[in-house]
Amino acid sequence: MTWQQASGLAAVAAGAMHRGARARMAKSASAPATRDRAPESSTGRRAESGRLVSVLERCPLLTGLERCEVEEIAALCRFQPFPAQTDIFIEGQACDGLWVLASGRVRLYHSAADGRQHVVSFRGESSPLELGSALDGRAYTATATALEDCVLVYVPKAVLSHLARNYPVTVRNTIEQLCLELRQRDIATAVATLKDARGRIGCTLLQLARQYGQRLPDGVRIGFRLTRQDIADRSGVTIETAIRVLSDLQRQGVLRTQAQVIDILDADRLQHPTNCGVCQFDCSVFGPAVFRGAANLL
Protein backbone atom coordinates (compact mmCIF):
# COMPACT_ATOMS: atom_id res chain seq x y z
CA MET A 1 0.00 0.00 0.00
CA THR A 2 1.40 3.41 -0.97
CA TRP A 3 1.34 6.36 1.38
CA GLN A 4 -1.33 8.00 -0.80
CA GLN A 5 -3.53 4.93 -0.44
CA ALA A 6 -2.90 4.81 3.30
CA SER A 7 -3.72 8.50 3.78
CA GLY A 8 -6.86 8.12 1.67
CA LEU A 9 -8.03 5.17 3.71
CA ALA A 10 -7.27 7.09 6.91
CA ALA A 11 -9.49 9.92 5.71
CA VAL A 12 -12.28 7.47 4.94
CA ALA A 13 -11.85 5.93 8.39
CA ALA A 14 -11.93 9.33 10.07
CA GLY A 15 -15.15 10.22 8.28
CA ALA A 16 -16.73 6.90 9.19
CA MET A 17 -15.68 7.28 12.83
CA HIS A 18 -17.08 10.83 12.95
CA ARG A 19 -20.42 9.75 11.52
CA GLY A 20 -20.51 6.74 13.86
CA ALA A 21 -19.74 8.90 16.88
CA ARG A 22 -22.54 11.35 16.02
CA ALA A 23 -24.97 8.44 15.62
CA ARG A 24 -23.94 6.93 18.97
CA MET A 25 -24.30 10.30 20.72
CA ALA A 26 -27.77 10.79 19.29
CA LYS A 27 -28.78 7.29 20.28
CA SER A 28 -27.44 7.61 23.83
CA ALA A 29 -29.16 10.97 24.28
CA SER A 30 -32.57 9.47 23.50
CA ALA A 31 -32.07 6.09 25.20
CA PRO A 32 -32.91 5.40 28.87
CA ALA A 33 -30.02 4.99 31.28
CA THR A 34 -28.71 1.43 31.50
CA ARG A 35 -25.93 -0.30 33.33
CA ASP A 36 -22.54 -0.04 31.71
CA ARG A 37 -21.82 -3.03 29.53
CA ALA A 38 -18.53 -4.81 29.70
CA PRO A 39 -16.24 -3.71 26.88
CA GLU A 40 -15.82 -6.13 24.01
CA SER A 41 -12.68 -8.20 24.45
CA SER A 42 -9.76 -7.73 22.11
CA THR A 43 -9.97 -11.45 21.30
CA GLY A 44 -13.58 -11.02 20.16
CA ARG A 45 -12.67 -8.01 18.03
CA ARG A 46 -9.80 -9.87 16.39
CA ALA A 47 -12.05 -12.86 15.67
CA GLU A 48 -14.71 -10.66 14.06
CA SER A 49 -12.07 -8.81 12.07
CA GLY A 50 -10.74 -12.14 10.82
CA ARG A 51 -14.23 -13.20 9.73
CA LEU A 52 -14.76 -9.90 7.91
CA VAL A 53 -11.47 -10.32 6.05
CA SER A 54 -12.38 -13.90 5.10
CA VAL A 55 -15.73 -12.81 3.63
CA LEU A 56 -14.29 -9.85 1.74
CA GLU A 57 -11.42 -11.91 0.31
CA ARG A 58 -14.02 -14.17 -1.36
CA CYS A 59 -15.99 -11.21 -2.75
CA PRO A 60 -15.28 -10.94 -6.51
CA LEU A 61 -14.86 -7.16 -6.26
CA LEU A 62 -11.70 -7.47 -4.15
CA THR A 63 -10.00 -10.23 -6.12
CA GLY A 64 -6.31 -9.38 -6.59
CA LEU A 65 -5.84 -7.28 -3.45
CA GLU A 66 -3.20 -8.17 -0.87
CA ARG A 67 -4.46 -9.50 2.44
CA CYS A 68 -3.12 -6.45 4.29
CA GLU A 69 -5.14 -4.22 1.98
CA VAL A 70 -8.30 -6.26 2.58
CA GLU A 71 -7.65 -6.01 6.33
CA GLU A 72 -7.56 -2.21 6.11
CA ILE A 73 -10.84 -2.20 4.20
CA ALA A 74 -12.47 -4.70 6.59
CA ALA A 75 -11.74 -2.33 9.49
CA LEU A 76 -14.25 0.10 7.95
CA CYS A 77 -17.00 -2.49 7.41
CA ARG A 78 -19.38 -4.28 9.76
CA PHE A 79 -21.48 -7.41 10.04
CA GLN A 80 -25.28 -7.15 10.15
CA PRO A 81 -27.58 -10.14 10.80
CA PHE A 82 -31.00 -10.44 9.15
CA PRO A 83 -33.56 -13.03 10.33
CA ALA A 84 -35.32 -15.21 7.77
CA GLN A 85 -38.07 -13.50 5.72
CA THR A 86 -36.92 -9.96 6.57
CA ASP A 87 -36.08 -7.33 3.96
CA ILE A 88 -32.47 -6.21 3.65
CA PHE A 89 -33.53 -3.32 1.43
CA ILE A 90 -36.64 -2.43 -0.58
CA GLU A 91 -37.07 -1.42 -4.21
CA GLY A 92 -37.08 2.39 -4.39
CA GLN A 93 -35.23 2.83 -1.08
CA ALA A 94 -32.20 5.15 -1.03
CA CYS A 95 -28.86 3.34 -1.23
CA ASP A 96 -25.77 4.52 0.66
CA GLY A 97 -23.47 1.48 0.52
CA LEU A 98 -22.98 -2.10 -0.58
CA TRP A 99 -24.20 -5.30 1.08
CA VAL A 100 -22.09 -8.45 0.63
CA LEU A 101 -23.67 -11.77 1.65
CA ALA A 102 -21.51 -13.55 4.23
CA SER A 103 -23.84 -16.48 4.93
CA GLY A 104 -27.36 -17.54 4.02
CA ARG A 105 -29.52 -17.13 0.91
CA VAL A 106 -31.18 -14.02 -0.51
CA ARG A 107 -33.99 -13.46 -3.01
CA LEU A 108 -33.85 -10.37 -5.27
CA TYR A 109 -37.16 -9.46 -6.91
CA HIS A 110 -39.48 -6.79 -8.34
CA SER A 111 -43.03 -6.32 -7.01
CA ALA A 112 -46.15 -5.25 -8.87
CA ALA A 113 -48.98 -3.21 -7.36
CA ASP A 114 -51.24 -6.29 -7.36
CA GLY A 115 -48.75 -8.30 -5.29
CA ARG A 116 -47.18 -10.31 -8.12
CA GLN A 117 -43.42 -10.73 -7.98
CA HIS A 118 -40.71 -11.35 -10.55
CA VAL A 119 -37.50 -12.82 -9.15
CA VAL A 120 -34.37 -11.21 -10.57
CA SER A 121 -32.00 -13.72 -9.01
CA PHE A 122 -31.15 -15.82 -5.99
CA ARG A 123 -27.86 -15.03 -4.27
CA GLY A 124 -25.50 -17.16 -2.20
CA GLU A 125 -22.43 -16.52 -0.09
CA SER A 126 -19.88 -13.84 -1.09
CA SER A 127 -22.31 -12.20 -3.53
CA PRO A 128 -22.57 -8.39 -3.70
CA LEU A 129 -26.21 -7.26 -3.75
CA GLU A 130 -27.44 -4.57 -6.18
CA LEU A 131 -23.95 -3.38 -7.11
CA GLY A 132 -25.22 -0.79 -9.60
CA SER A 133 -27.21 1.08 -6.95
CA ALA A 134 -24.27 1.00 -4.54
CA LEU A 135 -22.04 2.61 -7.17
CA ASP A 136 -24.29 5.37 -8.50
CA GLY A 137 -26.05 6.08 -5.20
CA ARG A 138 -29.52 5.92 -6.74
CA ALA A 139 -32.46 4.02 -5.30
CA TYR A 140 -32.43 0.23 -5.22
CA THR A 141 -33.98 -1.33 -8.33
CA ALA A 142 -35.09 -4.52 -6.54
CA THR A 143 -36.05 -5.79 -3.10
CA ALA A 144 -33.71 -8.17 -1.27
CA THR A 145 -35.26 -10.59 1.24
CA ALA A 146 -33.46 -13.11 3.43
CA LEU A 147 -34.74 -16.62 2.65
CA GLU A 148 -33.13 -17.91 5.86
CA ASP A 149 -31.16 -16.37 8.71
CA CYS A 150 -28.42 -14.37 6.97
CA VAL A 151 -25.35 -12.38 7.89
CA LEU A 152 -24.21 -9.60 5.58
CA VAL A 153 -21.24 -7.26 5.47
CA TYR A 154 -21.99 -3.57 5.00
CA VAL A 155 -19.43 -1.63 2.94
CA PRO A 156 -19.96 2.17 3.13
CA LYS A 157 -20.09 4.08 -0.15
CA ALA A 158 -17.03 6.11 0.90
CA VAL A 159 -15.02 2.89 0.99
CA LEU A 160 -16.21 1.98 -2.53
CA SER A 161 -15.10 5.40 -3.78
CA HIS A 162 -11.70 4.94 -2.12
CA LEU A 163 -11.27 1.54 -3.79
CA ALA A 164 -12.03 3.00 -7.21
CA ARG A 165 -9.52 5.83 -6.76
CA ASN A 166 -6.66 3.79 -5.34
CA TYR A 167 -6.95 0.19 -6.55
CA PRO A 168 -7.38 -0.11 -10.34
CA VAL A 169 -7.89 -3.87 -10.10
CA THR A 170 -11.15 -3.30 -8.21
CA VAL A 171 -12.43 -1.11 -11.08
CA ARG A 172 -11.81 -3.97 -13.51
CA ASN A 173 -13.45 -6.43 -11.10
CA THR A 174 -16.47 -4.15 -10.76
CA ILE A 175 -16.89 -3.80 -14.52
CA GLU A 176 -16.69 -7.57 -14.95
CA GLN A 177 -19.25 -8.14 -12.20
CA LEU A 178 -21.66 -5.56 -13.63
CA CYS A 179 -21.34 -7.09 -17.12
CA LEU A 180 -22.02 -10.54 -15.68
CA GLU A 181 -25.13 -9.37 -13.84
CA LEU A 182 -26.38 -7.47 -16.91
CA ARG A 183 -26.01 -10.52 -19.16
CA GLN A 184 -27.76 -12.74 -16.62
CA ARG A 185 -30.71 -10.35 -16.36
CA ASP A 186 -30.92 -9.89 -20.12
CA ILE A 187 -31.05 -13.65 -20.69
CA ALA A 188 -33.61 -14.20 -17.92
CA THR A 189 -35.81 -11.43 -19.37
CA ALA A 190 -35.53 -12.80 -22.92
CA VAL A 191 -36.38 -16.34 -21.76
CA ALA A 192 -39.45 -15.07 -19.89
CA THR A 193 -40.57 -13.21 -23.02
CA LEU A 194 -39.78 -15.65 -25.82
CA LYS A 195 -40.28 -19.17 -24.44
CA ASP A 196 -43.41 -21.01 -23.34
CA ALA A 197 -44.03 -22.09 -19.74
CA ARG A 198 -42.15 -25.42 -20.01
CA GLY A 199 -39.23 -23.69 -21.71
CA ARG A 200 -39.08 -20.97 -19.05
CA ILE A 201 -39.08 -23.44 -16.17
CA GLY A 202 -36.55 -25.67 -17.93
CA CYS A 203 -34.21 -22.72 -18.51
CA THR A 204 -34.59 -21.56 -14.92
CA LEU A 205 -33.63 -24.99 -13.57
CA LEU A 206 -30.66 -25.35 -15.93
CA GLN A 207 -29.39 -21.87 -15.08
CA LEU A 208 -29.72 -22.51 -11.34
CA ALA A 209 -27.87 -25.80 -11.83
CA ARG A 210 -24.99 -23.85 -13.32
CA GLN A 211 -24.97 -21.45 -10.38
CA TYR A 212 -25.47 -23.90 -7.51
CA GLY A 213 -25.06 -27.37 -9.07
CA GLN A 214 -23.57 -30.25 -7.09
CA ARG A 215 -22.82 -33.45 -8.96
CA LEU A 216 -24.48 -36.67 -7.79
CA PRO A 217 -23.93 -40.24 -9.02
CA ASP A 218 -27.27 -40.07 -10.86
CA GLY A 219 -27.48 -36.39 -11.79
CA VAL A 220 -27.01 -32.84 -10.51
CA ARG A 221 -28.48 -31.29 -7.36
CA ILE A 222 -29.38 -27.60 -7.24
CA GLY A 223 -27.80 -26.74 -3.90
CA PHE A 224 -30.27 -23.99 -3.13
CA ARG A 225 -33.63 -24.73 -1.46
CA LEU A 226 -36.46 -23.52 -3.70
CA THR A 227 -40.22 -23.52 -3.27
CA ARG A 228 -42.57 -23.93 -6.21
CA GLN A 229 -43.43 -20.26 -5.76
CA ASP A 230 -39.72 -19.39 -6.13
CA ILE A 231 -39.57 -21.34 -9.39
CA ALA A 232 -42.78 -19.68 -10.63
CA ASP A 233 -41.57 -16.16 -9.79
CA ARG A 234 -38.13 -16.76 -11.32
CA SER A 235 -39.64 -18.24 -14.50
CA GLY A 236 -42.44 -15.69 -14.93
CA VAL A 237 -45.30 -18.21 -14.71
CA THR A 238 -48.18 -18.73 -12.29
CA ILE A 239 -47.81 -21.00 -9.28
CA GLU A 240 -50.41 -23.36 -10.78
CA THR A 241 -48.36 -23.69 -13.98
CA ALA A 242 -45.15 -24.28 -12.03
CA ILE A 243 -46.79 -27.02 -9.95
CA ARG A 244 -48.15 -28.74 -13.07
CA VAL A 245 -44.87 -28.61 -15.02
CA LEU A 246 -42.71 -29.72 -12.08
CA SER A 247 -45.10 -32.58 -11.30
CA ASP A 248 -44.96 -33.72 -14.94
CA LEU A 249 -41.15 -33.64 -14.90
CA GLN A 250 -41.08 -35.69 -11.71
CA ARG A 251 -43.44 -38.30 -13.15
CA GLN A 252 -41.24 -38.55 -16.24
CA GLY A 253 -38.15 -39.15 -14.11
CA VAL A 254 -36.49 -35.92 -15.19
CA LEU A 255 -36.51 -34.37 -11.71
CA ARG A 256 -36.54 -35.50 -8.11
CA THR A 257 -37.59 -33.13 -5.31
CA GLN A 258 -37.35 -33.51 -1.57
CA ALA A 259 -37.47 -30.88 1.19
CA GLN A 260 -37.37 -28.04 -1.42
CA VAL A 261 -34.18 -29.45 -2.98
CA ILE A 262 -34.31 -30.27 -6.71
CA ASP A 263 -32.21 -32.99 -8.34
CA ILE A 264 -31.96 -33.00 -12.15
CA LEU A 265 -31.77 -36.66 -13.19
CA ASP A 266 -32.05 -36.30 -16.99
CA ALA A 267 -30.61 -33.03 -18.27
CA ASP A 268 -31.01 -34.01 -21.94
CA ARG A 269 -34.78 -34.40 -21.58
CA LEU A 270 -35.00 -31.20 -19.58
CA GLN A 271 -33.26 -29.35 -22.42
CA HIS A 272 -35.73 -30.50 -25.06
CA PRO A 273 -38.60 -28.04 -24.30
CA THR A 274 -36.07 -25.22 -23.89
CA ASN A 275 -34.71 -25.71 -27.46
CA CYS A 276 -31.17 -25.48 -26.11
CA GLY A 277 -29.74 -26.97 -29.29
CA VAL A 278 -30.71 -23.94 -31.38
CA CYS A 279 -30.82 -21.32 -28.61
CA GLN A 280 -28.53 -18.29 -29.02
CA PHE A 281 -28.40 -17.42 -25.31
CA ASP A 282 -24.98 -17.94 -23.71
CA CYS A 283 -25.94 -19.44 -20.34
CA SER A 284 -22.27 -19.88 -19.38
CA VAL A 285 -22.65 -16.48 -17.66
CA PHE A 286 -24.62 -18.30 -14.94
CA GLY A 287 -21.68 -20.56 -14.13
CA PRO A 288 -19.59 -23.49 -15.41
CA ALA A 289 -21.16 -26.53 -17.05
CA VAL A 290 -22.11 -29.23 -14.54
CA PHE A 291 -23.67 -31.92 -16.74
CA ARG A 292 -21.85 -34.78 -18.40
CA GLY A 293 -22.14 -35.65 -22.10
CA ALA A 294 -24.20 -33.63 -24.57
CA ALA A 295 -25.90 -31.66 -21.81
CA ASN A 296 -22.54 -30.09 -20.98
CA LEU A 297 -22.89 -27.98 -24.11
CA LEU A 298 -25.31 -25.75 -22.22
Foldseek 3Di string as FASTA:
>chain_A
DDPVLVVLLVVVQVVLVVVVVVVVVVVVVPDDDDDDDDDDDPVVVVVQLVLLLVLQCLALLCPPDDSVVSSSQSVSKDKDKDAAFDWPFAFQAWDFWKKAWAAAKKWKWDADPVGAIATLDIDGGNYIDQLVCLAVRGGRHTIIGTNHITMIMTRGSSSVVSCVVPPVSSVVSSVVVVVLSVLSNVVLVCQLVPADQLLLLLVVVQLLCQQQWDDDPQFTKNPDQDDLSRSCNHSVHDSVSSVVSVVVCVVVVQWDDDRRIITGRDNVVSCVRNPVVPDPRDSCSSHQQDDDDPSNVD
